[in-house]
Amino acid sequence: MKILIIKLGALGDVINTFPLVVNLKKYLNAEIDWLVAPLSYPLVANHPCVDTAILFDKNRVRLSLPCALKEIRTKEYDITLDLQRILKSGLFSMASKSANRVGFNKERCKEMTWLFPFDRIPPSDPQAHMLNQYLEFGTHLNLPDNDVSWMIPRIAKKLPGLPEKYLVLNVGASRPVKQWAPEYFAALADKINEKFHLQPVLTGGPEDINTGKQIKEKTNSNIIDLTGRTSILQLVEVIAEAQCVISCDTGAMHLASALGTDLIALFGPTDPRRTGPFRGRVIQKELSCACLPCNKRKCKDPRCMDAIKPEDVCQELESLI
């Protein structure tokens, strides 16, 4: 059986899709191809249950689109699973030579993709954790069980200069409204160094380099700053070997959860029941906002994140360590 997975999305979305892919390989012994965006491509391409990773880069669409379509059309897939549920993924699904195309039910589709002539999984709770929502595709395909195993590839070497024991502070987030203040991270780093005698290691993407510098300027701790300095596969190793990861709602949070590293996730406007870590602890304050989680993309007064204090995180960390 040949299966095409279409999941272009962010790192966390891809990580939450891995358990479905593991089950498809385990129970159907399927040949699995996966259409994916550049950020998550290294994880998908090196995953033991993925036979072929097909790259689509929207920033180089003139070159990338013909190549992706050519790869999709070279095989006659038995099943195409559209897990992205947007117009772009729907069009890619239609382009595949597939006997059966499967997508979310109408209520969970976006951009009117419920109009595509797909087989639809049954309606379910749209607020359920996304990992469980992806596993519903396995149930629809009559898999005997919905096991949860990520099998994250670990192929990079350990980064030189890291201490034997350290704690990761992942400082970035996909939207500013989900970020924690640099001065809070700096104060937390001081408390970690003083109370737990663990060296803090900062991680984040290239867009977080300035935040890393601000944190280093505001702390007295001997911080190792890796913001913008690790590939995805190197980040896997940094997180896998950490004593604990403290992160906002972002891909590195899901990576820590999948790797089984102790995790404290800091949540504000988003719903941890749906997009939080599948494993790990969550700190989210109850506030007098009219609707929390509000899922706002922008906010002039992000009280929900400001309400989380370094002392709150330190207290949670103490119960872990």
C-alpha atoms as a PDB file:
ATOM      1  CA  MET A   1       0.000   0.000   0.000  1.00  0.00           C
ATOM      2  CA  LYS A   2       1.234   3.482  -0.928  1.00  0.00           C
ATOM      3  CA  ILE A   3       0.174   6.461   1.211  1.00  0.00           C
ATOM      4  CA  LEU A   4       0.816  10.172   0.674  1.00  0.00           C
ATOM      5  CA  ILE A   5       0.762  12.389   3.767  1.00  0.00           C
ATOM      6  CA  ILE A   6       0.201  16.105   3.173  1.00  0.00           C
ATOM      7  CA  LYS A   7       1.250  18.040   6.246  1.00  0.00           C
ATOM      8  CA  LEU A   8       3.203  21.145   5.347  1.00  0.00           C
ATOM      9  CA  GLY A   9       2.721  22.907   8.647  1.00  0.00           C
ATOM     10  CA  ALA A  10       4.809  24.103  11.522  1.00  0.00           C
ATOM     11  CA  LEU A  11       7.238  21.949  13.482  1.00  0.00           C
ATOM     12  CA  GLY A  12       4.737  21.194  16.247  1.00  0.00           C
ATOM     13  CA  ASP A  13       2.096  20.076  13.729  1.00  0.00           C
ATOM     14  CA  VAL A  14       4.564  17.712  12.097  1.00  0.00           C
ATOM     15  CA  ILE A  15       5.672  16.255  15.424  1.00  0.00           C
ATOM     16  CA  ASN A  16       2.048  15.623  16.397  1.00  0.00           C
ATOM     17  CA  THR A  17       1.569  13.755  13.095  1.00  0.00           C
ATOM     18  CA  PHE A  18       4.402  11.277  13.721  1.00  0.00           C
ATOM     19  CA  PRO A  19       2.335   8.858  15.887  1.00  0.00           C
ATOM     20  CA  LEU A  20      -0.161   8.416  13.034  1.00  0.00           C
ATOM     21  CA  VAL A  21       2.676   7.739  10.586  1.00  0.00           C
ATOM     22  CA  VAL A  22       4.265   5.225  12.959  1.00  0.00           C
ATOM     23  CA  ASN A  23       0.951   3.363  13.179  1.00  0.00           C
ATOM     24  CA  LEU A  24       0.437   3.408   9.408  1.00  0.00           C
ATOM     25  CA  LYS A  25       3.828   1.788   8.943  1.00  0.00           C
ATOM     26  CA  LYS A  26       3.327  -0.637  11.838  1.00  0.00           C
ATOM     27  CA  TYR A  27      -0.139  -1.939  10.985  1.00  0.00           C
ATOM     28  CA  LEU A  28      -0.324  -1.498   7.198  1.00  0.00           C
ATOM     29  CA  ASN A  29       3.369  -1.840   6.321  1.00  0.00           C
ATOM     30  CA  ALA A  30       2.671   1.062   4.006  1.00  0.00           C
ATOM     31  CA  GLU A  31       5.108   2.867   1.747  1.00  0.00           C
ATOM     32  CA  ILE A  32       4.770   6.414   3.056  1.00  0.00           C
ATOM     33  CA  ASP A  33       5.619   9.629   1.227  1.00  0.00           C
ATOM     34  CA  TRP A  34       5.214  12.996   2.947  1.00  0.00           C
ATOM     35  CA  LEU A  35       4.848  16.457   1.418  1.00  0.00           C
ATOM     36  CA  VAL A  36       6.428  18.885   3.893  1.00  0.00           C
ATOM     37  CA  ALA A  37       7.806  22.425   4.222  1.00  0.00           C
ATOM     38  CA  PRO A  38      11.548  23.209   4.655  1.00  0.00           C
ATOM     39  CA  LEU A  39      11.641  23.750   8.445  1.00  0.00           C
ATOM     40  CA  SER A  40      10.448  20.239   9.298  1.00  0.00           C
ATOM     41  CA  TYR A  41      11.959  18.533   6.247  1.00  0.00           C
ATOM     42  CA  PRO A  42      15.081  17.183   8.058  1.00  0.00           C
ATOM     43  CA  LEU A  43      12.955  15.440  10.719  1.00  0.00           C
ATOM     44  CA  VAL A  44      10.583  13.959   8.142  1.00  0.00           C
ATOM     45  CA  ALA A  45      13.325  12.950   5.704  1.00  0.00           C
ATOM     46  CA  ASN A  46      15.225  11.077   8.431  1.00  0.00           C
ATOM     47  CA  HIS A  47      12.192   9.488  10.103  1.00  0.00           C
ATOM     48  CA  PRO A  48      12.376   5.663  10.013  1.00  0.00           C
ATOM     49  CA  CYS A  49       8.708   5.331   8.984  1.00  0.00           C
ATOM     50  CA  VAL A  50       8.871   7.778   6.060  1.00  0.00           C
ATOM     51  CA  ASP A  51      10.089   6.387   2.749  1.00  0.00           C
ATOM     52  CA  THR A  52      10.255   9.659   0.798  1.00  0.00           C
ATOM     53  CA  ALA A  53      10.067  13.268   1.986  1.00  0.00           C
ATOM     54  CA  ILE A  54       8.836  15.608  -0.756  1.00  0.00           C
ATOM     55  CA  LEU A  55       9.842  19.238  -0.254  1.00  0.00           C
ATOM     56  CA  PHE A  56       7.576  22.182  -1.014  1.00  0.00           C
ATOM     57  CA  ASP A  57       9.049  25.626  -0.316  1.00  0.00           C
ATOM     58  CA  LYS A  58       6.457  28.393  -0.693  1.00  0.00           C
ATOM     59  CA  ASN A  59       9.257  30.991  -0.711  1.00  0.00           C
ATOM     60  CA  ARG A  60      10.681  29.432  -3.893  1.00  0.00           C
ATOM     61  CA  VAL A  61       7.359  28.477  -5.421  1.00  0.00           C
ATOM     62  CA  ARG A  62       8.376  28.766  -9.104  1.00  0.00           C
ATOM     63  CA  LEU A  63      11.059  26.137  -8.644  1.00  0.00           C
ATOM     64  CA  SER A  64       9.564  24.134  -5.806  1.00  0.00           C
ATOM     65  CA  LEU A  65       5.988  23.704  -7.057  1.00  0.00           C
ATOM     66  CA  PRO A  66       6.808  21.919 -10.353  1.00  0.00           C
ATOM     67  CA  CYS A  67       9.290  19.627  -8.577  1.00  0.00           C
ATOM     68  CA  ALA A  68       6.809  18.726  -5.828  1.00  0.00           C
ATOM     69  CA  LEU A  69       3.997  18.081  -8.310  1.00  0.00           C
ATOM     70  CA  LYS A  70       6.268  15.929 -10.452  1.00  0.00           C
ATOM     71  CA  GLU A  71       7.203  13.753  -7.470  1.00  0.00           C
ATOM     72  CA  ILE A  72       3.579  13.420  -6.363  1.00  0.00           C
ATOM     73  CA  ARG A  73       2.422  12.427  -9.828  1.00  0.00           C
ATOM     74  CA  THR A  74       5.076   9.776 -10.395  1.00  0.00           C
ATOM     75  CA  LYS A  75       3.280   7.361  -8.055  1.00  0.00           C
ATOM     76  CA  GLU A  76      -0.271   6.095  -7.958  1.00  0.00           C
ATOM     77  CA  TYR A  77      -1.072   6.324  -4.260  1.00  0.00           C
ATOM     78  CA  ASP A  78      -3.713   4.119  -2.718  1.00  0.00           C
ATOM     79  CA  ILE A  79      -4.522   6.805  -0.132  1.00  0.00           C
ATOM     80  CA  THR A  80      -3.772  10.512   0.240  1.00  0.00           C
ATOM     81  CA  LEU A  81      -4.293  11.996   3.703  1.00  0.00           C
ATOM     82  CA  ASP A  82      -4.829  15.765   3.799  1.00  0.00           C
ATOM     83  CA  LEU A  83      -3.979  16.685   7.395  1.00  0.00           C
ATOM     84  CA  GLN A  84      -3.431  20.375   6.611  1.00  0.00           C
ATOM     85  CA  ARG A  85      -7.091  21.154   5.678  1.00  0.00           C
ATOM     86  CA  ILE A  86      -6.342  24.352   3.759  1.00  0.00           C
ATOM     87  CA  LEU A  87      -6.789  25.241   0.091  1.00  0.00           C
ATOM     88  CA  LYS A  88      -3.140  24.607  -0.769  1.00  0.00           C
ATOM     89  CA  SER A  89      -3.102  21.116   0.737  1.00  0.00           C
ATOM     90  CA  GLY A  90      -6.444  20.331  -0.893  1.00  0.00           C
ATOM     91  CA  LEU A  91      -5.072  21.218  -4.320  1.00  0.00           C
ATOM     92  CA  PHE A  92      -1.995  19.070  -3.735  1.00  0.00           C
ATOM     93  CA  SER A  93      -4.292  16.199  -2.728  1.00  0.00           C
ATOM     94  CA  MET A  94      -6.299  16.594  -5.926  1.00  0.00           C
ATOM     95  CA  ALA A  95      -3.063  16.598  -7.944  1.00  0.00           C
ATOM     96  CA  SER A  96      -2.069  13.188  -6.600  1.00  0.00           C
ATOM     97  CA  LYS A  97      -2.968  10.057  -8.502  1.00  0.00           C
ATOM     98  CA  SER A  98      -4.789   8.578  -5.551  1.00  0.00           C
ATOM     99  CA  ALA A  99      -7.613   6.059  -5.386  1.00  0.00           C
ATOM    100  CA  ASN A 100      -8.830   7.528  -2.095  1.00  0.00           C
ATOM    101  CA  ARG A 101      -8.373  11.027  -0.660  1.00  0.00           C
ATOM    102  CA  VAL A 102      -9.216  11.499   3.022  1.00  0.00           C
ATOM    103  CA  GLY A 103      -9.695  14.772   4.897  1.00  0.00           C
ATOM    104  CA  PHE A 104     -11.250  16.250   8.031  1.00  0.00           C
ATOM    105  CA  ASN A 105     -15.009  16.579   8.359  1.00  0.00           C
ATOM    106  CA  LYS A 106     -16.636  19.866   7.295  1.00  0.00           C
ATOM    107  CA  GLU A 107     -16.647  21.481  10.759  1.00  0.00           C
ATOM    108  CA  ARG A 108     -12.885  21.082  11.113  1.00  0.00           C
ATOM    109  CA  CYS A 109     -11.935  22.230   7.601  1.00  0.00           C
ATOM    110  CA  LYS A 110     -10.564  25.652   6.707  1.00  0.00           C
ATOM    111  CA  GLU A 111     -10.770  27.827   3.580  1.00  0.00           C
ATOM    112  CA  MET A 112     -13.866  25.943   2.355  1.00  0.00           C
ATOM    113  CA  THR A 113     -11.821  22.781   1.716  1.00  0.00           C
ATOM    114  CA  TRP A 114     -14.847  20.741   2.724  1.00  0.00           C
ATOM    115  CA  LEU A 115     -15.969  21.291  -0.890  1.00  0.00           C
ATOM    116  CA  PHE A 116     -13.248  18.972  -2.208  1.00  0.00           C
ATOM    117  CA  PRO A 117     -14.595  15.495  -3.071  1.00  0.00           C
ATOM    118  CA  PHE A 118     -12.756  13.696  -0.279  1.00  0.00           C
ATOM    119  CA  ASP A 119     -13.704  10.843   1.970  1.00  0.00           C
ATOM    120  CA  ARG A 120     -14.258  12.472   5.374  1.00  0.00           C
ATOM    121  CA  ILE A 121     -13.402  11.222   8.853  1.00  0.00           C
ATOM    122  CA  PRO A 122     -16.379  11.320  11.252  1.00  0.00           C
ATOM    123  CA  PRO A 123     -17.111  14.494  13.272  1.00  0.00           C
ATOM    124  CA  SER A 124     -15.322  14.708  16.599  1.00  0.00           C
ATOM    125  CA  ASP A 125     -14.324  17.184  19.286  1.00  0.00           C
ATOM    126  CA  PRO A 126     -12.497  20.070  17.528  1.00  0.00           C
ATOM    127  CA  GLN A 127     -10.938  21.045  20.861  1.00  0.00           C
ATOM    128  CA  ALA A 128      -9.310  17.643  21.386  1.00  0.00           C
ATOM    129  CA  HIS A 129      -5.510  17.541  21.280  1.00  0.00           C
ATOM    130  CA  MET A 130      -4.335  17.742  17.674  1.00  0.00           C
ATOM    131  CA  LEU A 131      -2.282  14.567  18.047  1.00  0.00           C
ATOM    132  CA  ASN A 132      -5.482  12.684  18.879  1.00  0.00           C
ATOM    133  CA  GLN A 133      -7.299  14.366  15.995  1.00  0.00           C
ATOM    134  CA  TYR A 134      -4.617  13.120  13.590  1.00  0.00           C
ATOM    135  CA  LEU A 135      -4.899   9.622  15.058  1.00  0.00           C
ATOM    136  CA  GLU A 136      -8.571   9.654  14.038  1.00  0.00           C
ATOM    137  CA  PHE A 137      -7.358   9.098  10.477  1.00  0.00           C
ATOM    138  CA  GLY A 138      -5.908   5.785  11.652  1.00  0.00           C
ATOM    139  CA  THR A 139      -9.228   4.835  13.200  1.00  0.00           C
ATOM    140  CA  HIS A 140     -10.961   5.747   9.929  1.00  0.00           C
ATOM    141  CA  LEU A 141      -8.582   3.403   8.093  1.00  0.00           C
ATOM    142  CA  ASN A 142      -9.447   0.585  10.553  1.00  0.00           C
ATOM    143  CA  LEU A 143      -6.063   0.394  12.253  1.00  0.00           C
ATOM    144  CA  PRO A 144      -6.379  -1.976  15.227  1.00  0.00           C
ATOM    145  CA  ASP A 145      -4.888   0.462  17.738  1.00  0.00           C
ATOM    146  CA  ASN A 146      -3.916   4.094  18.205  1.00  0.00           C
ATOM    147  CA  ASP A 147      -0.493   3.724  19.804  1.00  0.00           C
ATOM    148  CA  VAL A 148       1.415   6.910  20.595  1.00  0.00           C
ATOM    149  CA  SER A 149       5.060   6.715  19.596  1.00  0.00           C
ATOM    150  CA  TRP A 150       7.002   9.462  17.855  1.00  0.00           C
ATOM    151  CA  MET A 151      10.290   7.765  16.922  1.00  0.00           C
ATOM    152  CA  ILE A 152      12.032  11.144  16.568  1.00  0.00           C
ATOM    153  CA  PRO A 153      15.264  10.609  14.597  1.00  0.00           C
ATOM    154  CA  ARG A 154      18.434  11.260  16.580  1.00  0.00           C
ATOM    155  CA  ILE A 155      21.330  11.337  14.165  1.00  0.00           C
ATOM    156  CA  ALA A 156      23.230  14.535  15.023  1.00  0.00           C
ATOM    157  CA  LYS A 157      26.299  14.581  17.222  1.00  0.00           C
ATOM    158  CA  LYS A 158      26.203  16.184  20.655  1.00  0.00           C
ATOM    159  CA  LEU A 159      27.146  19.838  20.439  1.00  0.00           C
ATOM    160  CA  PRO A 160      30.594  20.589  21.870  1.00  0.00           C
ATOM    161  CA  GLY A 161      30.786  22.821  24.915  1.00  0.00           C
ATOM    162  CA  LEU A 162      27.588  21.673  26.596  1.00  0.00           C
ATOM    163  CA  PRO A 163      27.932  20.700  30.272  1.00  0.00           C
ATOM    164  CA  GLU A 164      26.977  17.251  31.507  1.00  0.00           C
ATOM    165  CA  LYS A 165      23.847  18.637  33.156  1.00  0.00           C
ATOM    166  CA  TYR A 166      21.938  21.635  31.873  1.00  0.00           C
ATOM    167  CA  LEU A 167      18.450  23.061  31.509  1.00  0.00           C
ATOM    168  CA  VAL A 168      17.026  24.446  28.261  1.00  0.00           C
ATOM    169  CA  LEU A 169      15.203  27.765  28.111  1.00  0.00           C
ATOM    170  CA  ASN A 170      13.553  27.922  24.685  1.00  0.00           C
ATOM    171  CA  VAL A 171      12.952  31.638  24.292  1.00  0.00           C
ATOM    172  CA  GLY A 172      11.053  31.929  21.012  1.00  0.00           C
ATOM    173  CA  ALA A 173       7.447  31.557  19.901  1.00  0.00           C
ATOM    174  CA  SER A 174       5.706  31.814  16.552  1.00  0.00           C
ATOM    175  CA  ARG A 175       3.846  34.981  17.584  1.00  0.00           C
ATOM    176  CA  PRO A 176       4.918  37.810  19.919  1.00  0.00           C
ATOM    177  CA  VAL A 177       1.705  37.397  21.916  1.00  0.00           C
ATOM    178  CA  LYS A 178       2.899  33.930  22.992  1.00  0.00           C
ATOM    179  CA  GLN A 179       6.380  35.059  24.058  1.00  0.00           C
ATOM    180  CA  TRP A 180       7.640  35.460  27.612  1.00  0.00           C
ATOM    181  CA  ALA A 181       9.525  38.632  28.543  1.00  0.00           C
ATOM    182  CA  PRO A 182      13.361  38.508  28.305  1.00  0.00           C
ATOM    183  CA  GLU A 183      13.667  39.925  31.831  1.00  0.00           C
ATOM    184  CA  TYR A 184      11.578  37.009  33.130  1.00  0.00           C
ATOM    185  CA  PHE A 185      13.830  34.500  31.386  1.00  0.00           C
ATOM    186  CA  ALA A 186      16.882  36.295  32.832  1.00  0.00           C
ATOM    187  CA  ALA A 187      15.472  36.234  36.378  1.00  0.00           C
ATOM    188  CA  LEU A 188      14.583  32.563  35.969  1.00  0.00           C
ATOM    189  CA  ALA A 189      18.105  31.762  34.757  1.00  0.00           C
ATOM    190  CA  ASP A 190      19.533  33.342  37.921  1.00  0.00           C
ATOM    191  CA  LYS A 191      17.176  31.314  40.114  1.00  0.00           C
ATOM    192  CA  ILE A 192      18.019  28.088  38.265  1.00  0.00           C
ATOM    193  CA  ASN A 193      21.722  28.662  38.672  1.00  0.00           C
ATOM    194  CA  GLU A 194      21.416  29.602  42.340  1.00  0.00           C
ATOM    195  CA  LYS A 195      18.862  27.025  43.475  1.00  0.00           C
ATOM    196  CA  PHE A 196      19.449  23.988  41.262  1.00  0.00           C
ATOM    197  CA  HIS A 197      23.071  24.525  40.178  1.00  0.00           C
ATOM    198  CA  LEU A 198      22.151  23.846  36.553  1.00  0.00           C
ATOM    199  CA  GLN A 199      23.590  25.820  33.682  1.00  0.00           C
ATOM    200  CA  PRO A 200      20.859  27.423  31.518  1.00  0.00           C
ATOM    201  CA  VAL A 201      21.099  26.901  27.740  1.00  0.00           C
ATOM    202  CA  LEU A 202      19.108  29.245  25.500  1.00  0.00           C
ATOM    203  CA  THR A 203      17.590  27.851  22.298  1.00  0.00           C
ATOM    204  CA  GLY A 204      15.564  29.497  19.559  1.00  0.00           C
ATOM    205  CA  GLY A 205      15.601  30.310  15.874  1.00  0.00           C
ATOM    206  CA  PRO A 206      17.515  33.042  14.011  1.00  0.00           C
ATOM    207  CA  GLU A 207      14.657  35.428  14.794  1.00  0.00           C
ATOM    208  CA  ASP A 208      15.365  34.941  18.525  1.00  0.00           C
ATOM    209  CA  ILE A 209      19.034  35.973  18.475  1.00  0.00           C
ATOM    210  CA  ASN A 210      18.285  39.471  19.750  1.00  0.00           C
ATOM    211  CA  THR A 211      16.138  38.034  22.560  1.00  0.00           C
ATOM    212  CA  GLY A 212      19.037  35.785  23.564  1.00  0.00           C
ATOM    213  CA  LYS A 213      21.340  38.805  23.734  1.00  0.00           C
ATOM    214  CA  GLN A 214      18.854  40.699  25.901  1.00  0.00           C
ATOM    215  CA  ILE A 215      18.604  37.784  28.319  1.00  0.00           C
ATOM    216  CA  LYS A 216      22.383  37.496  28.615  1.00  0.00           C
ATOM    217  CA  GLU A 217      22.651  41.221  29.328  1.00  0.00           C
ATOM    218  CA  LYS A 218      20.086  41.033  32.128  1.00  0.00           C
ATOM    219  CA  THR A 219      21.368  37.936  33.953  1.00  0.00           C
ATOM    220  CA  ASN A 220      24.287  37.199  36.239  1.00  0.00           C
ATOM    221  CA  SER A 221      24.279  33.514  35.251  1.00  0.00           C
ATOM    222  CA  ASN A 222      26.781  31.846  32.976  1.00  0.00           C
ATOM    223  CA  ILE A 223      24.344  31.207  30.124  1.00  0.00           C
ATOM    224  CA  ILE A 224      25.127  29.281  26.961  1.00  0.00           C
ATOM    225  CA  ASP A 225      23.326  31.039  24.132  1.00  0.00           C
ATOM    226  CA  LEU A 226      22.459  28.751  21.186  1.00  0.00           C
ATOM    227  CA  THR A 227      19.714  30.925  19.685  1.00  0.00           C
ATOM    228  CA  GLY A 228      19.991  30.781  15.906  1.00  0.00           C
ATOM    229  CA  ARG A 229      22.963  28.418  16.142  1.00  0.00           C
ATOM    230  CA  THR A 230      21.400  24.949  15.859  1.00  0.00           C
ATOM    231  CA  SER A 231      19.862  23.003  13.038  1.00  0.00           C
ATOM    232  CA  ILE A 232      16.638  21.100  13.735  1.00  0.00           C
ATOM    233  CA  LEU A 233      18.547  17.833  14.103  1.00  0.00           C
ATOM    234  CA  GLN A 234      21.049  19.480  16.483  1.00  0.00           C
ATOM    235  CA  LEU A 235      18.163  20.933  18.488  1.00  0.00           C
ATOM    236  CA  VAL A 236      16.836  17.387  18.906  1.00  0.00           C
ATOM    237  CA  GLU A 237      20.077  16.388  20.616  1.00  0.00           C
ATOM    238  CA  VAL A 238      20.211  19.500  22.813  1.00  0.00           C
ATOM    239  CA  ILE A 239      16.655  18.928  24.047  1.00  0.00           C
ATOM    240  CA  ALA A 240      16.987  15.147  24.379  1.00  0.00           C
ATOM    241  CA  GLU A 241      19.982  15.444  26.730  1.00  0.00           C
ATOM    242  CA  ALA A 242      18.575  18.292  28.869  1.00  0.00           C
ATOM    243  CA  GLN A 243      17.428  17.813  32.455  1.00  0.00           C
ATOM    244  CA  CYS A 244      14.350  19.881  31.683  1.00  0.00           C
ATOM    245  CA  VAL A 245      12.977  22.215  29.012  1.00  0.00           C
ATOM    246  CA  ILE A 246      11.084  25.422  29.775  1.00  0.00           C
ATOM    247  CA  SER A 247       9.337  26.747  26.707  1.00  0.00           C
ATOM    248  CA  CYS A 248       6.493  28.876  25.412  1.00  0.00           C
ATOM    249  CA  ASP A 249       3.967  27.466  22.941  1.00  0.00           C
ATOM    250  CA  THR A 250       6.223  26.577  20.019  1.00  0.00           C
ATOM    251  CA  GLY A 251       7.746  23.666  18.093  1.00  0.00           C
ATOM    252  CA  ALA A 252      10.569  23.012  20.557  1.00  0.00           C
ATOM    253  CA  MET A 253       7.930  22.434  23.246  1.00  0.00           C
ATOM    254  CA  HIS A 254       6.373  19.613  21.199  1.00  0.00           C
ATOM    255  CA  LEU A 255       9.836  18.248  20.477  1.00  0.00           C
ATOM    256  CA  ALA A 256      10.624  18.009  24.203  1.00  0.00           C
ATOM    257  CA  SER A 257       7.295  16.281  24.801  1.00  0.00           C
ATOM    258  CA  ALA A 258       7.945  13.739  22.043  1.00  0.00           C
ATOM    259  CA  LEU A 259      11.477  13.030  23.279  1.00  0.00           C
ATOM    260  CA  GLY A 260      10.253  12.435  26.836  1.00  0.00           C
ATOM    261  CA  THR A 261      12.325  15.266  28.341  1.00  0.00           C
ATOM    262  CA  ASP A 262      10.829  16.879  31.440  1.00  0.00           C
ATOM    263  CA  LEU A 263       8.932  19.916  30.246  1.00  0.00           C
ATOM    264  CA  ILE A 264       7.294  23.046  31.640  1.00  0.00           C
ATOM    265  CA  ALA A 265       5.217  24.882  29.029  1.00  0.00           C
ATOM    266  CA  LEU A 266       4.206  28.520  29.461  1.00  0.00           C
ATOM    267  CA  PHE A 267       0.790  29.247  27.953  1.00  0.00           C
ATOM    268  CA  GLY A 268      -1.132  32.475  27.461  1.00  0.00           C
ATOM    269  CA  PRO A 269      -3.645  33.065  24.656  1.00  0.00           C
ATOM    270  CA  THR A 270      -3.678  29.542  23.185  1.00  0.00           C
ATOM    271  CA  ASP A 271      -5.492  26.440  24.391  1.00  0.00           C
ATOM    272  CA  PRO A 272      -3.164  23.785  25.879  1.00  0.00           C
ATOM    273  CA  ARG A 273      -5.909  21.171  25.619  1.00  0.00           C
ATOM    274  CA  ARG A 274      -5.646  21.386  21.838  1.00  0.00           C
ATOM    275  CA  THR A 275      -2.136  22.587  21.034  1.00  0.00           C
ATOM    276  CA  GLY A 276      -0.280  22.078  24.293  1.00  0.00           C
ATOM    277  CA  PRO A 277       2.329  19.402  24.982  1.00  0.00           C
ATOM    278  CA  PHE A 278       0.986  15.848  24.799  1.00  0.00           C
ATOM    279  CA  ARG A 279       3.275  15.094  27.750  1.00  0.00           C
ATOM    280  CA  GLY A 280       4.559  17.689  30.188  1.00  0.00           C
ATOM    281  CA  ARG A 281       3.417  20.354  32.635  1.00  0.00           C
ATOM    282  CA  VAL A 282       1.584  23.536  31.690  1.00  0.00           C
ATOM    283  CA  ILE A 283       1.472  26.879  33.492  1.00  0.00           C
ATOM    284  CA  GLN A 284      -1.450  29.064  32.455  1.00  0.00           C
ATOM    285  CA  LYS A 285      -2.929  31.767  34.662  1.00  0.00           C
ATOM    286  CA  GLU A 286      -6.638  32.371  35.111  1.00  0.00           C
ATOM    287  CA  LEU A 287      -7.415  36.004  34.316  1.00  0.00           C
ATOM    288  CA  SER A 288     -10.458  38.221  33.979  1.00  0.00           C
ATOM    289  CA  CYS A 289     -10.193  38.335  30.182  1.00  0.00           C
ATOM    290  CA  ALA A 290     -13.562  37.920  28.492  1.00  0.00           C
ATOM    291  CA  CYS A 291     -12.427  34.802  26.672  1.00  0.00           C
ATOM    292  CA  LEU A 292      -9.311  32.883  27.650  1.00  0.00           C
ATOM    293  CA  PRO A 293      -7.786  31.224  25.772  1.00  0.00           C
ATOM    294  CA  CYS A 294      -8.606  33.888  23.211  1.00  0.00           C
ATOM    295  CA  ASN A 295      -6.231  32.664  20.447  1.00  0.00           C
ATOM    296  CA  LYS A 296      -5.507  36.264  19.469  1.00  0.00           C
ATOM    297  CA  ARG A 297      -2.646  36.763  17.042  1.00  0.00           C
ATOM    298  CA  LYS A 298      -1.972  40.275  18.386  1.00  0.00           C
ATOM    299  CA  CYS A 299      -2.592  41.891  21.753  1.00  0.00           C
ATOM    300  CA  LYS A 300      -1.605  45.306  23.110  1.00  0.00           C
ATOM    301  CA  ASP A 301      -1.697  44.013  26.678  1.00  0.00           C
ATOM    302  CA  PRO A 302      -0.602  40.343  26.854  1.00  0.00           C
ATOM    303  CA  ARG A 303      -1.461  39.998  30.549  1.00  0.00           C
ATOM    304  CA  CYS A 304      -1.813  36.242  30.248  1.00  0.00           C
ATOM    305  CA  MET A 305       1.930  35.802  29.604  1.00  0.00           C
ATOM    306  CA  ASP A 306       3.012  38.628  31.936  1.00  0.00           C
ATOM    307  CA  ALA A 307       1.028  36.995  34.752  1.00  0.00           C
ATOM    308  CA  ILE A 308       3.395  34.007  34.721  1.00  0.00           C
ATOM    309  CA  LYS A 309       6.255  34.949  37.040  1.00  0.00           C
ATOM    310  CA  PRO A 310       9.722  33.371  37.330  1.00  0.00           C
ATOM    311  CA  GLU A 311       8.739  32.262  40.843  1.00  0.00           C
ATOM    312  CA  ASP A 312       5.835  30.240  39.389  1.00  0.00           C
ATOM    313  CA  VAL A 313       8.149  28.415  37.011  1.00  0.00           C
ATOM    314  CA  CYS A 314      10.755  27.870  39.712  1.00  0.00           C
ATOM    315  CA  GLN A 315       8.147  26.317  41.999  1.00  0.00           C
ATOM    316  CA  GLU A 316       7.028  23.928  39.243  1.00  0.00           C
ATOM    317  CA  LEU A 317      10.644  23.129  38.464  1.00  0.00           C
ATOM    318  CA  GLU A 318      11.338  22.283  42.094  1.00  0.00           C
ATOM    319  CA  SER A 319       8.677  19.557  42.033  1.00  0.00           C
ATOM    320  CA  LEU A 320      10.343  18.066  38.940  1.00  0.00           C
ATOM    321  CA  ILE A 321      13.955  18.239  40.093  1.00  0.00           C
END
